[in-house]
Protein backbone atom coordinates (compact mmCIF):
# COMPACT_ATOMS: atom_id res chain seq x y z
CA MET A 1 24.75 16.06 -0.70
CA THR A 2 27.09 13.14 -1.36
CA ASN A 3 27.31 10.00 0.77
CA SER A 4 30.75 11.08 1.96
CA GLU A 5 29.17 14.16 3.56
CA LEU A 6 26.62 12.12 5.50
CA THR A 7 27.07 10.80 9.03
CA PRO A 8 26.56 7.02 9.13
CA LEU A 9 24.13 6.03 11.86
CA LEU A 10 25.24 2.56 12.93
CA LEU A 11 23.47 2.22 16.28
CA PRO A 12 20.51 3.86 18.04
CA ARG A 13 21.54 6.67 20.32
CA ALA A 14 20.81 4.64 23.48
CA GLY A 15 21.84 1.31 22.00
CA VAL A 16 19.69 -1.65 20.94
CA PRO A 17 17.36 -2.75 23.74
CA PRO A 18 16.60 -6.42 24.44
CA VAL A 19 13.51 -7.76 22.68
CA ILE A 20 10.44 -7.85 24.91
CA THR A 21 9.15 -11.42 25.06
CA THR A 22 7.51 -11.65 28.50
CA GLU A 23 4.43 -10.13 30.08
CA SER A 24 6.43 -8.54 32.88
CA ALA A 25 8.79 -6.84 30.44
CA PHE A 26 5.81 -5.60 28.44
CA GLU A 27 4.26 -4.08 31.58
CA GLU A 28 7.57 -2.40 32.45
CA MET A 29 7.67 -0.95 28.93
CA ILE A 30 4.23 0.60 29.37
CA ALA A 31 5.31 2.23 32.63
CA THR A 32 8.48 3.58 31.01
CA LEU A 33 6.61 4.97 28.00
CA LEU A 34 4.10 6.68 30.30
CA ASN A 35 6.99 8.71 31.71
CA GLY A 36 7.79 9.96 28.20
CA VAL A 37 6.57 13.11 26.51
CA GLY A 38 5.09 13.93 23.11
CA PRO A 39 4.12 11.62 20.27
CA ILE A 40 5.10 7.99 19.93
CA ALA A 41 7.02 6.61 16.96
CA ILE A 42 5.97 3.15 15.84
CA ASP A 43 7.06 0.73 13.16
CA ALA A 44 6.32 -2.91 12.41
CA GLU A 45 8.20 -5.61 10.55
CA ARG A 46 6.25 -8.26 8.63
CA ALA A 47 7.35 -11.27 6.62
CA SER A 48 5.89 -10.08 3.32
CA GLY A 49 6.89 -12.37 0.48
CA TYR A 50 7.58 -15.21 2.92
CA LYS A 51 4.34 -15.69 4.86
CA TYR A 52 0.68 -15.69 3.81
CA SER A 53 -0.41 -13.58 6.75
CA GLN A 54 0.52 -9.93 7.14
CA ARG A 55 0.91 -10.15 10.89
CA ALA A 56 3.63 -8.23 12.70
CA TYR A 57 6.74 -10.18 13.72
CA LEU A 58 8.45 -7.25 15.41
CA ILE A 59 7.15 -3.92 16.67
CA GLN A 60 9.43 -0.98 17.39
CA LEU A 61 8.44 1.95 19.62
CA TYR A 62 10.15 5.16 20.63
CA ARG A 63 9.03 8.10 22.76
CA ALA A 64 11.08 11.02 24.00
CA ASN A 65 12.09 10.32 27.62
CA GLY A 66 10.24 7.02 27.30
CA GLY A 67 12.93 5.08 25.54
CA LEU A 68 13.19 2.76 22.55
CA HIS A 69 11.53 -0.65 22.76
CA LEU A 70 11.42 -3.77 20.58
CA ILE A 71 8.51 -6.16 21.04
CA ASP A 72 8.09 -9.71 19.77
CA PRO A 73 4.29 -9.85 19.20
CA ILE A 74 4.49 -13.60 18.58
CA ALA A 75 5.70 -14.11 22.16
CA ILE A 76 3.17 -11.68 23.67
CA GLU A 77 -0.06 -13.66 23.28
CA ASN A 78 -1.97 -12.00 26.15
CA LYS A 79 -4.45 -9.73 24.36
CA SER A 80 -5.17 -7.79 27.53
CA LEU A 81 -1.62 -6.41 27.42
CA TRP A 82 -2.20 -4.97 23.97
CA GLN A 83 -5.51 -3.57 25.19
CA GLU A 84 -3.69 -1.94 28.11
CA PHE A 85 -1.17 -0.42 25.71
CA ASN A 86 -3.97 0.88 23.52
CA LYS A 87 -5.82 2.37 26.49
CA ASN A 88 -2.74 4.32 27.58
CA PHE A 89 -1.41 5.48 24.23
CA ALA A 90 -4.19 5.47 21.60
CA ASN A 91 -4.88 9.16 22.11
CA LEU A 92 -1.28 10.19 21.50
CA GLU A 93 -0.12 11.12 18.04
CA TRP A 94 1.36 8.02 16.40
CA VAL A 95 4.20 8.76 13.99
CA ILE A 96 4.45 6.06 11.31
CA HIS A 97 6.32 6.03 8.02
CA ALA A 98 4.11 4.80 5.14
CA SER A 99 1.34 4.02 7.61
CA THR A 100 -0.90 2.08 5.23
CA GLN A 101 1.69 -0.69 5.23
CA ASP A 102 1.78 -1.07 9.01
CA LEU A 103 -1.73 -0.17 10.14
CA PRO A 104 -3.33 -3.52 9.16
CA CYS A 105 -1.00 -5.56 11.38
CA LEU A 106 -1.33 -3.02 14.22
CA LEU A 107 -5.11 -3.09 14.01
CA GLU A 108 -4.94 -6.90 14.06
CA LEU A 109 -3.34 -6.65 17.51
CA GLY A 110 -6.09 -4.32 18.69
CA LEU A 111 -4.07 -1.12 18.43
CA ASN A 112 -6.26 1.75 17.28
CA PRO A 113 -4.48 5.09 17.03
CA GLN A 114 -6.73 8.14 17.10
CA SER A 115 -4.15 10.57 15.72
CA LEU A 116 -1.59 9.95 13.00
CA PHE A 117 1.40 11.66 11.44
CA ASP A 118 2.65 9.80 8.38
CA THR A 119 6.17 10.99 7.59
CA GLU A 120 6.17 9.45 4.11
CA LEU A 121 2.87 11.01 3.09
CA GLY A 122 3.73 14.31 4.75
CA ALA A 123 6.98 14.46 2.80
CA ARG A 124 5.12 13.78 -0.46
CA ILE A 125 2.68 16.58 0.19
CA ALA A 126 5.56 18.87 1.15
CA GLY A 127 7.11 18.18 -2.25
CA SER A 128 10.14 16.12 -1.20
CA PRO A 129 11.57 14.37 -4.29
CA ARG A 130 12.50 11.20 -2.36
CA VAL A 131 10.34 10.01 0.50
CA GLY A 132 11.79 6.69 1.67
CA LEU A 133 12.84 6.69 5.31
CA GLY A 134 16.50 6.43 4.40
CA ALA A 135 16.22 9.22 1.84
CA LEU A 136 14.52 11.53 4.35
CA ALA A 137 17.13 10.76 6.98
CA GLU A 138 19.75 11.85 4.46
CA SER A 139 18.03 14.98 3.16
CA LEU A 140 16.57 16.22 6.46
CA LEU A 141 18.97 14.92 9.13
CA GLU A 142 22.19 14.38 7.12
CA LEU A 143 22.31 10.83 8.46
CA GLN A 144 22.87 7.64 6.50
CA LEU A 145 20.90 4.54 7.51
CA ALA A 146 21.83 1.00 6.59
CA LYS A 147 19.33 -0.59 4.15
CA GLU A 148 20.53 -4.14 3.67
CA HIS A 149 17.95 -5.85 5.91
CA SER A 150 14.75 -4.37 4.52
CA ALA A 151 13.51 -7.58 2.89
CA VAL A 152 14.49 -10.31 5.34
CA ASP A 153 12.14 -12.97 6.74
CA TRP A 154 11.14 -11.46 10.07
CA SER A 155 9.33 -14.65 11.11
CA ILE A 156 12.69 -16.34 11.75
CA ARG A 157 13.56 -16.89 15.40
CA PRO A 158 15.81 -15.90 16.97
CA LEU A 159 16.03 -12.57 15.19
CA LYS A 160 19.57 -11.71 14.19
CA PRO A 161 21.31 -8.87 16.10
CA GLU A 162 22.01 -6.92 12.91
CA TRP A 163 18.32 -7.09 11.98
CA LEU A 164 17.36 -5.70 15.39
CA THR A 165 19.79 -2.82 14.96
CA TYR A 166 18.26 -2.03 11.57
CA ALA A 167 14.73 -2.15 13.04
CA ALA A 168 15.62 -0.02 16.06
CA LEU A 169 17.13 2.70 13.89
CA ASP A 170 13.82 3.05 12.03
CA VAL A 171 12.09 4.55 15.07
CA ASP A 172 15.15 6.13 16.67
CA VAL A 173 15.16 8.85 13.99
CA LEU A 174 11.46 8.94 13.18
CA LEU A 175 10.43 11.72 15.57
CA ASP A 176 13.28 13.90 14.29
CA ILE A 177 12.10 13.35 10.73
CA ARG A 178 8.55 14.13 11.79
CA GLU A 179 9.64 17.54 13.11
CA LYS A 180 11.48 18.36 9.90
CA VAL A 181 8.56 17.27 7.71
CA GLU A 182 6.13 19.33 9.75
CA LYS A 183 8.40 22.35 9.34
CA LEU A 184 8.40 21.87 5.55
CA LEU A 185 4.62 21.58 5.52
CA LEU A 186 4.24 24.75 7.58
CA GLU A 187 6.61 26.66 5.30
CA LYS A 188 4.49 25.69 2.28
CA ASN A 189 1.13 26.19 4.01
CA LYS A 190 0.31 22.51 3.53
CA LEU A 191 0.14 21.23 7.09
CA ASN A 192 -3.66 21.24 7.17
CA TRP A 193 -3.70 19.35 3.85
CA ALA A 194 -1.50 16.66 5.36
CA LYS A 195 -3.62 16.46 8.51
CA GLU A 196 -6.73 15.85 6.40
CA ASP A 197 -4.98 13.01 4.61
CA PHE A 198 -3.73 11.51 7.89
CA ALA A 199 -7.24 11.53 9.32
CA ALA A 200 -8.63 10.02 6.12
CA ILE A 201 -6.17 7.12 6.35
CA LEU A 202 -7.30 6.24 9.86
CA LEU A 203 -10.96 6.56 8.96
CA ASN A 204 -10.50 4.44 5.86
CA PHE A 205 -8.79 1.60 7.71
CA LYS A 206 -11.26 1.55 10.56
CA SER A 207 -14.20 1.46 8.16
CA LYS A 208 -12.66 -1.51 6.34
CA GLN A 209 -11.88 -3.61 9.41
CA ASN A 210 -14.99 -5.75 8.97
CA ASP A 211 -15.03 -5.77 5.17
CA GLN A 212 -15.20 -9.09 3.39
CA PRO A 213 -12.27 -10.02 1.11
CA LYS A 214 -12.68 -8.89 -2.48
CA VAL A 215 -14.18 -11.48 -4.80
CA ASP A 216 -12.43 -12.68 -7.94
CA ARG A 217 -8.97 -11.70 -6.71
CA TRP A 218 -7.66 -14.43 -9.02
CA ARG A 219 -8.45 -12.18 -11.99
CA LYS A 220 -5.40 -10.12 -11.10
CA THR A 221 -3.06 -13.03 -11.79
CA SER A 222 -0.02 -11.66 -13.60
CA GLY A 223 -0.21 -12.61 -17.27
CA MET A 224 -4.01 -12.79 -17.39
CA HIS A 225 -4.03 -10.47 -20.40
CA LYS A 226 -2.72 -13.36 -22.51
CA VAL A 227 -5.81 -15.50 -21.90
CA ARG A 228 -8.18 -15.83 -24.83
CA ASP A 229 -10.61 -18.61 -23.86
CA ARG A 230 -12.94 -19.49 -20.99
CA LEU A 231 -11.48 -22.91 -20.21
CA THR A 232 -7.98 -21.53 -19.71
CA MET A 233 -9.37 -18.81 -17.49
CA THR A 234 -11.29 -21.44 -15.50
CA ILE A 235 -8.07 -23.39 -14.94
CA ILE A 236 -6.32 -20.23 -13.77
CA ARG A 237 -9.13 -19.53 -11.32
CA ASP A 238 -9.09 -23.04 -9.90
CA LEU A 239 -5.30 -23.20 -9.58
CA TRP A 240 -5.22 -19.74 -7.96
CA LEU A 241 -7.89 -20.66 -5.42
CA ASP A 242 -6.24 -24.01 -4.63
CA ARG A 243 -2.88 -22.29 -4.22
CA ASP A 244 -4.46 -19.69 -1.94
CA GLN A 245 -6.02 -22.37 0.24
CA LEU A 246 -2.71 -24.20 0.58
CA ALA A 247 -0.89 -20.93 1.29
CA GLN A 248 -3.28 -20.18 4.15
CA GLU A 249 -2.87 -23.67 5.59
CA LEU A 250 0.92 -23.47 5.48
CA ASP A 251 1.17 -19.70 6.15
CA ILE A 252 3.47 -19.28 3.19
CA ALA A 253 3.28 -16.49 0.63
CA PRO A 254 1.33 -17.83 -2.39
CA GLY A 255 4.03 -16.81 -4.85
CA ARG A 256 6.55 -19.01 -3.06
CA ILE A 257 4.29 -22.04 -3.40
CA LEU A 258 3.54 -21.51 -7.07
CA ASN A 259 4.15 -18.22 -8.85
CA ASP A 260 1.73 -16.62 -11.29
CA GLU A 261 3.89 -17.43 -14.29
CA ALA A 262 3.60 -21.15 -13.48
CA ILE A 263 -0.18 -20.91 -13.14
CA ILE A 264 -0.49 -19.23 -16.54
CA GLU A 265 1.80 -21.77 -18.19
CA ILE A 266 0.01 -24.77 -16.67
CA ALA A 267 -3.33 -23.36 -17.81
CA SER A 268 -1.97 -22.73 -21.32
CA LYS A 269 0.05 -25.91 -21.89
CA LYS A 270 -2.24 -28.25 -19.91
CA PRO A 271 0.42 -30.86 -19.07
CA SER A 272 -1.02 -34.33 -18.66
CA THR A 273 1.62 -36.13 -16.56
CA ILE A 274 3.52 -35.58 -13.34
CA GLU A 275 6.75 -35.35 -15.32
CA ALA A 276 5.31 -32.69 -17.62
CA ILE A 277 3.84 -30.55 -14.86
CA THR A 278 7.07 -30.87 -12.85
CA LYS A 279 8.99 -29.52 -15.84
CA VAL A 280 6.58 -26.58 -16.22
CA ILE A 281 6.77 -25.63 -12.55
CA GLY A 282 10.53 -26.10 -12.18
CA TRP A 283 12.10 -23.22 -10.25
CA ARG A 284 8.76 -21.41 -10.06
CA SER A 285 8.05 -23.01 -6.69
CA LYS A 286 10.33 -22.19 -3.77
CA ILE A 287 9.05 -24.79 -1.32
CA GLN A 288 10.52 -28.20 -0.68
CA SER A 289 8.65 -31.08 -2.33
CA PRO A 290 6.04 -29.07 -4.29
CA PRO A 291 2.71 -30.98 -4.49
CA TYR A 292 2.88 -31.71 -8.22
CA ASP A 293 0.17 -34.36 -7.92
CA ARG A 294 -2.14 -31.80 -6.32
CA TRP A 295 -1.71 -29.37 -9.20
CA LEU A 296 -2.17 -32.15 -11.76
CA ALA A 297 -5.35 -33.32 -10.05
CA GLN A 298 -6.68 -29.76 -9.95
CA LEU A 299 -5.87 -29.31 -13.63
CA SER A 300 -7.71 -32.54 -14.53
CA HIS A 301 -10.72 -31.42 -12.51
CA SER A 302 -10.76 -28.01 -14.21
CA LEU A 303 -10.48 -29.56 -17.68
CA ALA A 304 -13.72 -31.44 -16.99
CA THR A 305 -15.65 -28.24 -16.21
CA PRO A 306 -18.77 -28.05 -18.41
CA VAL A 307 -18.87 -25.07 -20.77
CA GLU A 308 -21.84 -23.50 -19.00
CA GLN A 309 -19.91 -23.54 -15.70
CA GLN A 310 -16.71 -22.05 -17.06
CA VAL A 311 -15.97 -18.48 -16.05
CA GLU A 312 -16.80 -15.58 -18.32
CA LEU A 313 -13.88 -14.42 -20.41
CA ARG A 314 -14.93 -10.80 -20.11
CA ILE A 315 -13.83 -9.37 -16.81
CA GLN A 316 -16.83 -8.01 -14.94
CA SER A 317 -15.78 -4.69 -13.54
CA ASN A 318 -17.08 -1.27 -12.71
CA ASN A 319 -13.82 0.26 -13.87
CA LEU A 320 -13.84 2.58 -16.84
CA PRO A 321 -12.16 1.44 -20.06
CA PRO A 322 -8.51 2.35 -20.70
CA ILE A 323 -8.04 5.89 -21.91
CA LYS A 324 -6.58 4.67 -25.22
CA VAL A 325 -10.09 3.57 -26.28
CA TRP A 326 -11.92 6.69 -25.08
CA LYS A 327 -11.37 8.50 -28.40
CA GLU A 328 -13.56 5.96 -30.15
CA ARG A 329 -16.01 4.97 -27.42
CA ASN A 330 -16.54 8.36 -25.84
CA PRO A 331 -14.91 11.21 -27.81
CA LEU A 332 -16.58 13.95 -25.75
CA GLY A 333 -15.49 12.27 -22.53
CA TYR A 334 -11.99 12.07 -23.94
CA ALA A 335 -12.07 15.78 -24.78
CA ARG A 336 -13.10 16.61 -21.23
CA LEU A 337 -10.44 14.32 -19.81
CA SER A 338 -7.67 15.76 -21.96
CA HIS A 339 -8.38 19.26 -20.63
CA ALA A 340 -8.74 17.96 -17.08
CA ARG A 341 -5.42 16.13 -17.16
CA ALA A 342 -3.61 19.10 -18.64
CA GLY A 343 -5.05 21.40 -15.98
CA ILE A 344 -4.31 19.01 -13.13
CA ALA A 345 -0.73 18.49 -14.34
CA THR A 346 -0.16 22.24 -14.42
CA LEU A 347 -1.70 22.72 -10.97
CA ALA A 348 0.33 19.88 -9.46
CA LEU A 349 3.50 21.50 -10.78
CA GLN A 350 2.50 24.84 -9.30
CA LEU A 351 1.73 23.28 -5.92
CA ASP A 352 4.86 21.08 -5.96
CA LEU A 353 2.79 17.92 -5.51
CA PRO A 354 2.69 14.52 -7.18
CA ILE A 355 -0.47 14.33 -9.29
CA GLU A 356 -1.79 11.28 -7.43
CA ASN A 357 -1.55 13.22 -4.15
CA LEU A 358 -3.32 16.23 -5.56
CA ILE A 359 -6.20 14.08 -6.78
CA THR A 360 -6.53 10.37 -7.54
CA PRO A 361 -6.47 10.05 -11.36
CA GLU A 362 -9.29 7.49 -11.26
CA LEU A 363 -11.61 10.10 -9.74
CA VAL A 364 -10.84 12.48 -12.59
CA ARG A 365 -11.64 9.78 -15.14
CA LYS A 366 -14.94 8.95 -13.47
CA LEU A 367 -15.88 12.62 -13.41
CA CYS A 368 -15.09 13.14 -17.08
CA TRP A 369 -16.72 10.00 -18.48
CA GLU A 370 -20.17 11.56 -18.53
CA LEU A 371 -21.70 14.97 -17.91
CA PRO A 372 -24.44 15.63 -15.34
CA ARG A 373 -27.92 15.06 -16.69
CA ASN A 374 -28.84 18.62 -15.82
CA LYS A 375 -27.00 20.57 -18.53
CA GLU A 376 -27.59 23.80 -16.61
CA SER A 377 -25.55 22.56 -13.64
CA ASP A 378 -23.00 24.81 -12.00
CA TYR A 379 -19.99 22.73 -12.94
CA GLU A 380 -17.85 23.77 -10.00
CA ILE A 381 -20.57 22.85 -7.51
CA TYR A 382 -21.19 19.61 -9.39
CA VAL A 383 -17.48 18.72 -9.37
CA ALA A 384 -17.19 19.46 -5.65
CA GLU A 385 -20.21 17.30 -4.83
CA GLN A 386 -19.03 14.38 -6.95
CA LEU A 387 -15.48 14.45 -5.61
CA LYS A 388 -16.80 14.58 -2.04
CA GLN A 389 -18.96 11.52 -2.68
CA MET A 390 -15.96 9.68 -4.15
CA GLY A 391 -13.85 10.33 -1.05
CA ALA A 392 -11.66 13.28 -2.03
CA ARG A 393 -10.50 15.45 0.85
CA ASP A 394 -11.73 19.02 1.28
CA TRP A 395 -8.32 20.50 0.52
CA GLN A 396 -8.11 18.51 -2.71
CA ILE A 397 -11.58 19.60 -3.76
CA SER A 398 -10.83 23.27 -3.10
CA GLN A 399 -7.73 23.06 -5.31
CA VAL A 400 -8.96 20.99 -8.25
CA ALA A 401 -12.68 21.83 -8.51
CA PRO A 402 -12.13 25.07 -10.48
CA VAL A 403 -9.76 23.30 -12.90
CA LEU A 404 -12.11 20.38 -13.50
CA ALA A 405 -15.11 22.70 -13.83
CA GLN A 406 -13.36 24.43 -16.73
CA ALA A 407 -12.65 21.06 -18.38
CA LEU A 408 -16.19 19.65 -18.34
CA PRO A 409 -17.72 21.94 -21.02
CA GLN A 410 -14.89 21.24 -23.50
CA THR A 411 -15.73 19.39 -26.70
CA GLU A 412 -12.36 19.39 -28.50
CA ALA A 413 -9.46 17.39 -27.11
CA VAL A 414 -6.05 18.81 -26.43
CA VAL A 415 -2.86 16.82 -26.77
CA VAL A 416 -1.70 15.75 -23.31
CA GLU A 417 1.82 14.47 -22.78
CA ALA A 418 0.47 12.07 -20.14
CA ASP A 419 -1.23 10.10 -22.94
CA SER A 420 2.10 8.46 -23.64
CA VAL A 421 2.34 7.19 -20.07
CA ASP A 422 -1.30 6.40 -19.56
CA SER A 423 -0.52 2.85 -18.59
CA ASN A 424 1.39 4.12 -15.57
CA GLU A 425 -1.34 6.50 -14.51
CA ALA A 426 -3.92 3.77 -14.85
CA GLN A 427 -2.08 1.89 -12.14
CA ALA A 428 -1.86 4.89 -9.80
CA PRO A 429 -2.82 3.99 -6.23
CA GLN A 430 -6.10 5.13 -4.71
CA ASN A 431 -4.01 7.10 -2.29
CA GLN A 432 -0.35 7.80 -2.22
CA SER A 433 0.56 5.58 0.69
CA GLU A 434 -0.64 2.41 -0.97
CA LEU A 435 2.75 2.54 -2.67
CA GLU A 436 5.39 0.19 -1.35
CA ILE A 437 8.01 2.47 0.16
CA GLU A 438 11.65 1.50 0.21
CA ARG A 439 13.46 2.40 3.36
């Protein structure tokens, strides 16, 4: 279908409501939503790329017969109101597009949905080729949504009218998309698969609510692969941590304060004067009056780090080595993996599923790296047990266990086309909705 055949959707069907900024308006919204029927559509706008925090700066809600509502969570500071909302609506089905993006900021407010329908994930499992909200509106509803405000700074006040229209449209069509996606899933006998994944998302987020932040996050600095010595890596660590501390204090996205490229170049060139470090940073900082003296002082401190206190060059990780080195390090493991990947690719094609939705590639690699100690093991039972322990869903296990069981006894590798794109697969998300979804 061409754009000329689509109906542009310029405004929500009932117009754009005023933003809720008072407690009384919030209470009225609850009463109105209670008169509605069916699930509730919810979306949240953050200031990703602008702010350090991932808090919500706007929340959009829609329920049939309960109306469309826009809430400014910055203005609504009374936590008891959010608790009241949660008490009344937590047991409804919450319809969210790409829920793993919005759930953290919703949970931060104390909103804990008990039932979820993720339209993005559901569309992936149903086999839709394009799963952004705008793409689904086009393919399923023949409507065209505006996209030009998807990356604005939602922390700005007052919010611009055109931004509010964009945000309102997100939930105005979401329940309609949900119905269409559910129909596709039913037609392909995949609805129960999707429901398992939806439940797993909620369980995963709730279990992680009290988790401590991951250590050594600085090791993921873009360009780290260029580092060849411990002192340079120590400088990168110290600059990253100092930048992170400043970003938290100012509530500005770290990359706007000092991007990764600047950190790598400072660590590599080791400028010794304010003029030199200013030249290195240049446009790589997007804040007014960057603290050049701070970075220079941190660099000087890092340069004085004794050798025994410098960080290890080798990255400590439980991750398996890249597949390109398996042939030498573990040829039998590589043989098993080559058969497993070929079988999974074929199965995914048959089921009309992206491979990463059928089974997380990292789980397949872990399974193939070494055989069970008991050589007499029933491979299919072994595969099912291992995948269950690693968090695979029951529907995934039932589909892939027979394929992987056939791969484990193999000792000669097969040529797999995916070898040529291994670097992409290696970056595959742990689950499909960790992907950033364009509207």
